């Protein structure tokens, strides 16, 4: 699963739904255009890491084991 972003309006607290960064940017810009036309878009961005967990940790462990095996094999 990819990382998700949610944008929060700095004027009224409106939040976009979780989605890609570009989807959130478009949604908050549209919100400001409709609800706060004289205000430059602002607020904050929330970030949620994808559900794949630690992603690289499993690959790093496998790579480490492979290196140890190669070192042991080269000794014989």
N, C-alpha and C. Protein backbone atom coordinates (compact mmCIF):
# COMPACT_ATOMS: atom_id res chain seq x y z
N UNK A 1 0.84 -1.18 0.00
CA UNK A 1 0.00 0.00 0.00
C UNK A 1 0.89 1.24 0.00
N UNK A 2 0.53 2.24 -0.73
CA UNK A 2 1.30 3.47 -0.83
C UNK A 2 1.05 4.37 0.37
N UNK A 3 1.96 5.33 0.53
CA UNK A 3 1.78 6.31 1.59
C UNK A 3 0.56 7.16 1.28
N UNK A 4 -0.08 7.69 2.34
CA UNK A 4 -1.28 8.50 2.17
C UNK A 4 -1.08 9.88 2.79
N UNK A 5 -1.80 10.82 2.25
CA UNK A 5 -1.74 12.21 2.71
C UNK A 5 -3.16 12.70 2.95
N UNK A 6 -3.30 13.58 3.95
CA UNK A 6 -4.58 14.24 4.20
C UNK A 6 -4.26 15.70 4.53
N UNK A 7 -4.94 16.59 3.86
CA UNK A 7 -4.71 18.03 4.04
C UNK A 7 -5.79 18.61 4.93
N UNK A 8 -5.39 19.54 5.81
CA UNK A 8 -6.32 20.17 6.73
C UNK A 8 -6.31 21.68 6.48
N UNK A 9 -7.49 22.25 6.31
CA UNK A 9 -7.64 23.68 6.07
C UNK A 9 -7.19 24.46 7.30
N UNK A 10 -6.45 25.54 7.08
CA UNK A 10 -6.00 26.39 8.17
C UNK A 10 -7.05 27.39 8.61
N UNK A 11 -8.13 27.49 7.87
CA UNK A 11 -9.17 28.47 8.20
C UNK A 11 -10.33 27.87 8.97
N UNK A 12 -10.77 26.69 8.55
CA UNK A 12 -11.99 26.13 9.16
C UNK A 12 -11.83 24.70 9.66
N UNK A 13 -10.66 24.11 9.49
CA UNK A 13 -10.44 22.75 9.98
C UNK A 13 -10.93 21.65 9.06
N UNK A 14 -11.43 21.99 7.88
CA UNK A 14 -11.86 20.99 6.91
C UNK A 14 -10.71 20.06 6.60
N UNK A 15 -11.00 18.76 6.48
CA UNK A 15 -9.97 17.77 6.13
C UNK A 15 -10.34 17.07 4.84
N UNK A 16 -9.32 16.84 4.01
CA UNK A 16 -9.54 16.04 2.80
C UNK A 16 -9.51 14.57 3.22
N UNK A 17 -9.95 13.70 2.34
CA UNK A 17 -9.86 12.27 2.63
C UNK A 17 -8.42 11.82 2.39
N UNK A 18 -8.06 10.66 2.94
CA UNK A 18 -6.72 10.12 2.73
C UNK A 18 -6.57 9.73 1.26
N UNK A 19 -5.42 10.02 0.69
CA UNK A 19 -5.16 9.66 -0.70
C UNK A 19 -3.74 10.03 -1.08
N UNK A 20 -3.49 10.09 -2.37
CA UNK A 20 -2.15 10.45 -2.83
C UNK A 20 -1.90 11.93 -2.54
N UNK A 21 -0.65 12.31 -2.60
CA UNK A 21 -0.28 13.70 -2.33
C UNK A 21 -0.95 14.64 -3.32
N UNK A 22 -0.94 14.27 -4.60
CA UNK A 22 -1.53 15.14 -5.62
C UNK A 22 -3.05 15.25 -5.47
N UNK A 23 -3.71 14.14 -5.09
CA UNK A 23 -5.16 14.19 -4.86
C UNK A 23 -5.49 15.15 -3.72
N UNK A 24 -4.71 15.07 -2.65
CA UNK A 24 -4.93 15.95 -1.50
C UNK A 24 -4.71 17.40 -1.83
N UNK A 25 -3.66 17.68 -2.60
CA UNK A 25 -3.37 19.06 -3.00
C UNK A 25 -4.52 19.63 -3.82
N UNK A 26 -5.01 18.85 -4.77
CA UNK A 26 -6.13 19.31 -5.60
C UNK A 26 -7.38 19.54 -4.76
N UNK A 27 -7.65 18.62 -3.82
CA UNK A 27 -8.86 18.74 -3.00
C UNK A 27 -8.80 19.97 -2.10
N UNK A 28 -7.65 20.24 -1.49
CA UNK A 28 -7.58 21.40 -0.59
C UNK A 28 -7.60 22.71 -1.38
N UNK A 29 -6.98 22.70 -2.57
CA UNK A 29 -7.05 23.90 -3.41
C UNK A 29 -8.49 24.18 -3.83
N UNK A 30 -9.23 23.15 -4.18
CA UNK A 30 -10.65 23.30 -4.54
C UNK A 30 -11.45 23.81 -3.34
N UNK A 31 -11.17 23.28 -2.16
CA UNK A 31 -11.86 23.74 -0.95
C UNK A 31 -11.63 25.23 -0.72
N UNK A 32 -10.37 25.64 -0.81
CA UNK A 32 -10.05 27.06 -0.60
C UNK A 32 -10.72 27.91 -1.68
N UNK A 33 -10.73 27.43 -2.91
CA UNK A 33 -11.36 28.20 -4.00
C UNK A 33 -12.84 28.43 -3.72
N UNK A 34 -13.52 27.38 -3.23
CA UNK A 34 -14.97 27.48 -2.97
C UNK A 34 -15.28 28.20 -1.65
N UNK A 35 -14.57 27.86 -0.59
CA UNK A 35 -14.94 28.35 0.74
C UNK A 35 -14.19 29.59 1.20
N UNK A 36 -12.96 29.79 0.74
CA UNK A 36 -12.12 30.90 1.18
C UNK A 36 -11.42 31.53 -0.03
N UNK A 37 -12.19 32.09 -0.97
CA UNK A 37 -11.61 32.55 -2.24
C UNK A 37 -10.55 33.64 -2.10
N UNK A 38 -10.59 34.44 -1.05
CA UNK A 38 -9.63 35.54 -0.92
C UNK A 38 -8.40 35.14 -0.10
N UNK A 39 -8.29 33.88 0.27
CA UNK A 39 -7.20 33.42 1.13
C UNK A 39 -6.28 32.47 0.36
N UNK A 40 -4.97 32.65 0.58
CA UNK A 40 -3.99 31.74 -0.03
C UNK A 40 -4.08 30.40 0.70
N UNK A 41 -4.16 29.27 -0.03
CA UNK A 41 -4.27 27.97 0.64
C UNK A 41 -3.14 27.74 1.65
N UNK A 42 -3.53 27.23 2.78
CA UNK A 42 -2.57 26.96 3.85
C UNK A 42 -3.03 25.75 4.64
N UNK A 43 -2.77 25.76 5.91
CA UNK A 43 -3.16 24.64 6.75
C UNK A 43 -2.00 23.70 6.98
N UNK A 44 -2.31 22.42 7.10
CA UNK A 44 -1.25 21.44 7.35
C UNK A 44 -1.52 20.15 6.60
N UNK A 45 -0.48 19.33 6.51
CA UNK A 45 -0.56 18.04 5.83
C UNK A 45 -0.28 16.94 6.85
N UNK A 46 -1.12 15.91 6.84
CA UNK A 46 -0.88 14.73 7.66
C UNK A 46 -0.35 13.64 6.73
N UNK A 47 0.56 12.86 7.24
CA UNK A 47 1.21 11.82 6.45
C UNK A 47 1.02 10.49 7.15
N UNK A 48 0.65 9.47 6.38
CA UNK A 48 0.46 8.13 6.94
C UNK A 48 1.23 7.15 6.08
N UNK A 49 2.17 6.44 6.69
CA UNK A 49 2.98 5.48 5.97
C UNK A 49 2.12 4.31 5.53
N UNK A 50 2.43 3.75 4.36
CA UNK A 50 1.68 2.60 3.84
C UNK A 50 1.72 1.42 4.79
N UNK A 51 0.79 0.50 4.64
CA UNK A 51 0.67 -0.61 5.57
C UNK A 51 1.67 -1.72 5.32
N UNK A 52 2.63 -1.51 4.45
CA UNK A 52 3.62 -2.54 4.18
C UNK A 52 4.61 -2.69 5.34
N UNK A 53 4.43 -1.90 6.37
CA UNK A 53 5.27 -2.02 7.56
C UNK A 53 6.66 -1.47 7.32
N UNK A 54 7.66 -2.18 7.84
CA UNK A 54 9.03 -1.71 7.77
C UNK A 54 9.70 -1.99 6.45
N UNK A 55 8.99 -2.40 5.45
CA UNK A 55 9.46 -2.60 4.09
C UNK A 55 10.89 -3.08 3.92
N UNK A 56 11.87 -2.23 4.16
CA UNK A 56 13.25 -2.57 3.91
C UNK A 56 13.89 -3.48 4.94
N UNK A 57 13.29 -3.63 6.12
CA UNK A 57 13.89 -4.43 7.18
C UNK A 57 14.03 -5.89 6.76
N UNK A 58 13.03 -6.46 6.13
CA UNK A 58 13.09 -7.85 5.69
C UNK A 58 14.16 -8.06 4.63
N UNK A 59 14.28 -7.12 3.71
CA UNK A 59 15.31 -7.22 2.66
C UNK A 59 16.69 -7.09 3.26
N UNK A 60 16.84 -6.21 4.23
CA UNK A 60 18.13 -6.02 4.87
C UNK A 60 18.56 -7.28 5.61
N UNK A 61 17.64 -7.92 6.29
CA UNK A 61 17.94 -9.17 6.99
C UNK A 61 18.35 -10.26 5.99
N UNK A 62 17.61 -10.41 4.92
CA UNK A 62 17.92 -11.41 3.89
C UNK A 62 19.29 -11.14 3.28
N UNK A 63 19.59 -9.88 3.02
CA UNK A 63 20.89 -9.52 2.45
C UNK A 63 22.01 -9.85 3.43
N UNK A 64 21.81 -9.58 4.70
CA UNK A 64 22.81 -9.91 5.71
C UNK A 64 23.08 -11.40 5.79
N UNK A 65 22.02 -12.20 5.77
CA UNK A 65 22.18 -13.66 5.80
C UNK A 65 22.93 -14.14 4.56
N UNK A 66 22.60 -13.58 3.40
CA UNK A 66 23.28 -13.95 2.16
C UNK A 66 24.77 -13.64 2.24
N UNK A 67 25.13 -12.49 2.78
CA UNK A 67 26.54 -12.11 2.91
C UNK A 67 27.27 -13.10 3.82
N UNK A 68 26.65 -13.46 4.94
CA UNK A 68 27.27 -14.42 5.85
C UNK A 68 27.48 -15.76 5.15
N UNK A 69 26.48 -16.22 4.43
CA UNK A 69 26.60 -17.49 3.70
C UNK A 69 27.73 -17.41 2.67
N UNK A 70 27.82 -16.30 1.94
CA UNK A 70 28.89 -16.14 0.95
C UNK A 70 30.27 -16.12 1.61
N UNK A 71 30.40 -15.49 2.77
CA UNK A 71 31.67 -15.47 3.48
C UNK A 71 32.06 -16.87 3.92
N UNK A 72 31.10 -17.61 4.48
CA UNK A 72 31.37 -18.98 4.92
C UNK A 72 31.73 -19.85 3.71
N UNK A 73 31.04 -19.71 2.62
CA UNK A 73 31.31 -20.52 1.41
C UNK A 73 32.68 -20.21 0.83
N UNK A 74 33.10 -18.96 0.91
CA UNK A 74 34.39 -18.61 0.32
C UNK A 74 35.56 -19.13 1.16
N UNK A 75 35.34 -19.49 2.39
CA UNK A 75 36.37 -19.99 3.28
C UNK A 75 36.69 -21.46 3.01
N UNK A 76 35.84 -22.14 2.29
CA UNK A 76 36.02 -23.59 2.10
C UNK A 76 36.58 -23.89 0.75
